[in-house]
Amino acid sequence: MPRNGDKAGRYPPGAAAAVWKSTDGGASWSSRQTGLPAENCYFTVLRQAMAVDRSGPAGVYSGTNTGSIFASFDEGETRDEIARHLPTVLSVEVMARKKRHGRPIRARGYGPAAVGR
């Protein structure tokens, strides 16, 4: 996360959120922004506030310092905000649970407040 000056604080370049994805072990990276704020975005994701599951395709979950949790069910291609208005999300964990309608119930977030899906 770039530092945008002492007065401005830390936020994404251009105030547009993005997640960078590599499918070749880090040799190349591409930006994924679908489902994330495209303007006026001033949140950050703390180091422990991102997790993945082992489902196929893999789920990717991230919590923000502004109290949102974003989930991707397609290996990070797109995201949905599954919770908002929480306290700062300090960490996200993923746990395997029983299936509902043939799909796993994928994630549970932990921090000052817990969110299940």
C-alpha atoms as a PDB file:
ATOM      1  CA  MET A   1       0.000   0.000   0.000  1.00  0.00           C
ATOM      2  CA  PRO A   2       1.616   3.274  -0.992  1.00  0.00           C
ATOM      3  CA  ARG A   3       2.008   6.068   1.465  1.00  0.00           C
ATOM      4  CA  ASN A   4       0.366   9.138  -0.045  1.00  0.00           C
ATOM      5  CA  GLY A   5       2.026  11.733   2.169  1.00  0.00           C
ATOM      6  CA  ASP A   6       1.953  12.291   5.892  1.00  0.00           C
ATOM      7  CA  LYS A   7      -1.209  14.384   5.781  1.00  0.00           C
ATOM      8  CA  ALA A   8      -3.154  12.254   3.287  1.00  0.00           C
ATOM      9  CA  GLY A   9      -2.464   8.899   4.966  1.00  0.00           C
ATOM     10  CA  ARG A  10      -2.485   5.497   3.282  1.00  0.00           C
ATOM     11  CA  TYR A  11      -5.036   4.679   0.610  1.00  0.00           C
ATOM     12  CA  PRO A  12      -5.087   3.012  -2.831  1.00  0.00           C
ATOM     13  CA  PRO A  13      -3.557   4.915  -5.791  1.00  0.00           C
ATOM     14  CA  GLY A  14      -6.207   7.114  -7.405  1.00  0.00           C
ATOM     15  CA  ALA A  15      -8.529   6.250  -4.486  1.00  0.00           C
ATOM     16  CA  ALA A  16      -9.666   3.138  -6.447  1.00  0.00           C
ATOM     17  CA  ALA A  17      -9.457  -0.271  -4.741  1.00  0.00           C
ATOM     18  CA  ALA A  18      -7.734  -3.177  -6.479  1.00  0.00           C
ATOM     19  CA  VAL A  19      -6.427  -6.624  -5.662  1.00  0.00           C
ATOM     20  CA  TRP A  20      -3.390  -7.884  -7.562  1.00  0.00           C
ATOM     21  CA  LYS A  21      -3.405 -11.525  -8.656  1.00  0.00           C
ATOM     22  CA  SER A  22      -0.678 -13.824  -9.953  1.00  0.00           C
ATOM     23  CA  THR A  23      -1.281 -17.237 -11.494  1.00  0.00           C
ATOM     24  CA  ASP A  24       2.370 -17.976 -12.301  1.00  0.00           C
ATOM     25  CA  GLY A  25       4.092 -17.843  -8.934  1.00  0.00           C
ATOM     26  CA  GLY A  26       4.590 -14.076  -8.995  1.00  0.00           C
ATOM     27  CA  ALA A  27       6.312 -13.739 -12.384  1.00  0.00           C
ATOM     28  CA  SER A  28       3.460 -11.483 -13.545  1.00  0.00           C
ATOM     29  CA  TRP A  29       0.572  -9.720 -11.826  1.00  0.00           C
ATOM     30  CA  SER A  30      -2.807  -8.364 -12.955  1.00  0.00           C
ATOM     31  CA  SER A  31      -5.247  -6.011 -11.273  1.00  0.00           C
ATOM     32  CA  ARG A  32      -8.725  -7.208 -10.268  1.00  0.00           C
ATOM     33  CA  GLN A  33     -11.257  -4.487  -9.400  1.00  0.00           C
ATOM     34  CA  THR A  34     -14.728  -5.921 -10.115  1.00  0.00           C
ATOM     35  CA  GLY A  35     -16.895  -5.537  -7.021  1.00  0.00           C
ATOM     36  CA  LEU A  36     -14.535  -3.108  -5.271  1.00  0.00           C
ATOM     37  CA  PRO A  37     -15.014   0.659  -4.902  1.00  0.00           C
ATOM     38  CA  ALA A  38     -13.769   2.397  -8.071  1.00  0.00           C
ATOM     39  CA  GLU A  39     -13.631   5.908  -6.587  1.00  0.00           C
ATOM     40  CA  ASN A  40     -13.427   7.657  -3.222  1.00  0.00           C
ATOM     41  CA  CYS A  41     -11.869   4.561  -1.668  1.00  0.00           C
ATOM     42  CA  TYR A  42      -9.771   5.312   1.389  1.00  0.00           C
ATOM     43  CA  PHE A  43      -9.678   1.938   3.141  1.00  0.00           C
ATOM     44  CA  THR A  44      -6.791  -0.447   3.553  1.00  0.00           C
ATOM     45  CA  VAL A  45      -6.547  -4.183   4.220  1.00  0.00           C
ATOM     46  CA  LEU A  46      -4.363  -5.104   7.151  1.00  0.00           C
ATOM     47  CA  ARG A  47      -1.852  -7.905   6.623  1.00  0.00           C
ATOM     48  CA  GLN A  48      -3.804 -10.489   8.671  1.00  0.00           C
ATOM     49  CA  ALA A  49      -7.181  -9.492   7.226  1.00  0.00           C
ATOM     50  CA  MET A  50      -6.992 -11.648   4.089  1.00  0.00           C
ATOM     51  CA  ALA A  51      -7.587 -15.382   3.789  1.00  0.00           C
ATOM     52  CA  VAL A  52      -8.317 -18.049   1.182  1.00  0.00           C
ATOM     53  CA  ASP A  53     -10.202 -21.332   1.310  1.00  0.00           C
ATOM     54  CA  ARG A  54      -9.457 -24.626  -0.407  1.00  0.00           C
ATOM     55  CA  SER A  55     -12.690 -24.874  -2.348  1.00  0.00           C
ATOM     56  CA  GLY A  56     -12.615 -25.207  -6.106  1.00  0.00           C
ATOM     57  CA  PRO A  57     -12.600 -22.486  -7.298  1.00  0.00           C
ATOM     58  CA  ALA A  58     -10.831 -20.947  -4.304  1.00  0.00           C
ATOM     59  CA  GLY A  59     -12.547 -18.284  -2.229  1.00  0.00           C
ATOM     60  CA  VAL A  60     -10.672 -15.119  -1.244  1.00  0.00           C
ATOM     61  CA  TYR A  61     -11.810 -13.028   1.729  1.00  0.00           C
ATOM     62  CA  SER A  62     -10.555  -9.657   2.967  1.00  0.00           C
ATOM     63  CA  GLY A  63     -11.525  -7.273   5.730  1.00  0.00           C
ATOM     64  CA  THR A  64     -10.858  -3.549   5.735  1.00  0.00           C
ATOM     65  CA  ASN A  65      -9.894  -0.951   8.299  1.00  0.00           C
ATOM     66  CA  THR A  66     -13.287   0.696   7.628  1.00  0.00           C
ATOM     67  CA  GLY A  67     -15.273  -2.378   8.698  1.00  0.00           C
ATOM     68  CA  SER A  68     -16.174  -4.105   5.426  1.00  0.00           C
ATOM     69  CA  ILE A  69     -15.608  -7.745   4.469  1.00  0.00           C
ATOM     70  CA  PHE A  70     -15.283  -8.611   0.778  1.00  0.00           C
ATOM     71  CA  ALA A  71     -15.611 -12.169  -0.544  1.00  0.00           C
ATOM     72  CA  SER A  72     -14.664 -13.695  -3.868  1.00  0.00           C
ATOM     73  CA  PHE A  73     -15.941 -17.125  -4.847  1.00  0.00           C
ATOM     74  CA  ASP A  74     -14.058 -17.283  -8.177  1.00  0.00           C
ATOM     75  CA  GLU A  75     -10.370 -17.184  -7.200  1.00  0.00           C
ATOM     76  CA  GLY A  76     -10.321 -13.404  -6.851  1.00  0.00           C
ATOM     77  CA  GLU A  77     -11.759 -12.460 -10.236  1.00  0.00           C
ATOM     78  CA  THR A  78     -14.755 -10.629  -8.716  1.00  0.00           C
ATOM     79  CA  ARG A  79     -15.864  -9.685  -5.202  1.00  0.00           C
ATOM     80  CA  ASP A  80     -18.971  -8.928  -3.189  1.00  0.00           C
ATOM     81  CA  GLU A  81     -19.145  -6.881  -0.007  1.00  0.00           C
ATOM     82  CA  ILE A  82     -20.711  -9.389   2.399  1.00  0.00           C
ATOM     83  CA  ALA A  83     -20.559  -7.200   5.543  1.00  0.00           C
ATOM     84  CA  ARG A  84     -20.163  -3.509   6.286  1.00  0.00           C
ATOM     85  CA  HIS A  85     -20.270  -1.070   9.182  1.00  0.00           C
ATOM     86  CA  LEU A  86     -18.224  -3.365  11.429  1.00  0.00           C
ATOM     87  CA  PRO A  87     -15.375  -2.147  13.603  1.00  0.00           C
ATOM     88  CA  THR A  88     -11.924  -2.348  12.002  1.00  0.00           C
ATOM     89  CA  VAL A  89     -11.451  -5.926  10.765  1.00  0.00           C
ATOM     90  CA  LEU A  90      -8.151  -7.086  12.232  1.00  0.00           C
ATOM     91  CA  SER A  91      -8.131 -10.616  10.839  1.00  0.00           C
ATOM     92  CA  VAL A  92     -10.105 -12.998   8.662  1.00  0.00           C
ATOM     93  CA  GLU A  93     -10.073 -16.776   9.000  1.00  0.00           C
ATOM     94  CA  VAL A  94     -11.690 -19.384   6.794  1.00  0.00           C
ATOM     95  CA  MET A  95     -13.135 -22.621   8.021  1.00  0.00           C
ATOM     96  CA  ALA A  96     -14.664 -25.607   6.222  1.00  0.00           C
ATOM     97  CA  ARG A  97     -18.290 -26.217   7.081  1.00  0.00           C
ATOM     98  CA  LYS A  98     -21.019 -28.475   5.875  1.00  0.00           C
ATOM     99  CA  LYS A  99     -22.531 -27.941   2.448  1.00  0.00           C
ATOM    100  CA  ARG A 100     -25.851 -26.262   1.819  1.00  0.00           C
ATOM    101  CA  HIS A 101     -27.530 -26.979  -1.534  1.00  0.00           C
ATOM    102  CA  GLY A 102     -24.332 -28.628  -2.800  1.00  0.00           C
ATOM    103  CA  ARG A 103     -22.106 -25.614  -2.035  1.00  0.00           C
ATOM    104  CA  PRO A 104     -19.870 -25.221   0.998  1.00  0.00           C
ATOM    105  CA  ILE A 105     -20.708 -22.559   3.519  1.00  0.00           C
ATOM    106  CA  ARG A 106     -17.365 -20.933   3.069  1.00  0.00           C
ATOM    107  CA  ALA A 107     -16.151 -18.255   5.460  1.00  0.00           C
ATOM    108  CA  ARG A 108     -16.329 -16.802   8.881  1.00  0.00           C
ATOM    109  CA  GLY A 109     -14.585 -13.550   9.760  1.00  0.00           C
ATOM    110  CA  TYR A 110     -13.055 -12.803  13.128  1.00  0.00           C
ATOM    111  CA  GLY A 111     -12.092  -9.539  14.704  1.00  0.00           C
ATOM    112  CA  PRO A 112     -13.934  -7.221  17.052  1.00  0.00           C
ATOM    113  CA  ALA A 113     -17.134  -8.610  15.477  1.00  0.00           C
ATOM    114  CA  ALA A 114     -17.756 -11.983  13.811  1.00  0.00           C
ATOM    115  CA  VAL A 115     -19.473 -12.493  10.465  1.00  0.00           C
ATOM    116  CA  GLY A 116     -20.635 -15.829   9.063  1.00  0.00           C
ATOM    117  CA  ARG A 117     -21.731 -16.783   5.602  1.00  0.00           C
END
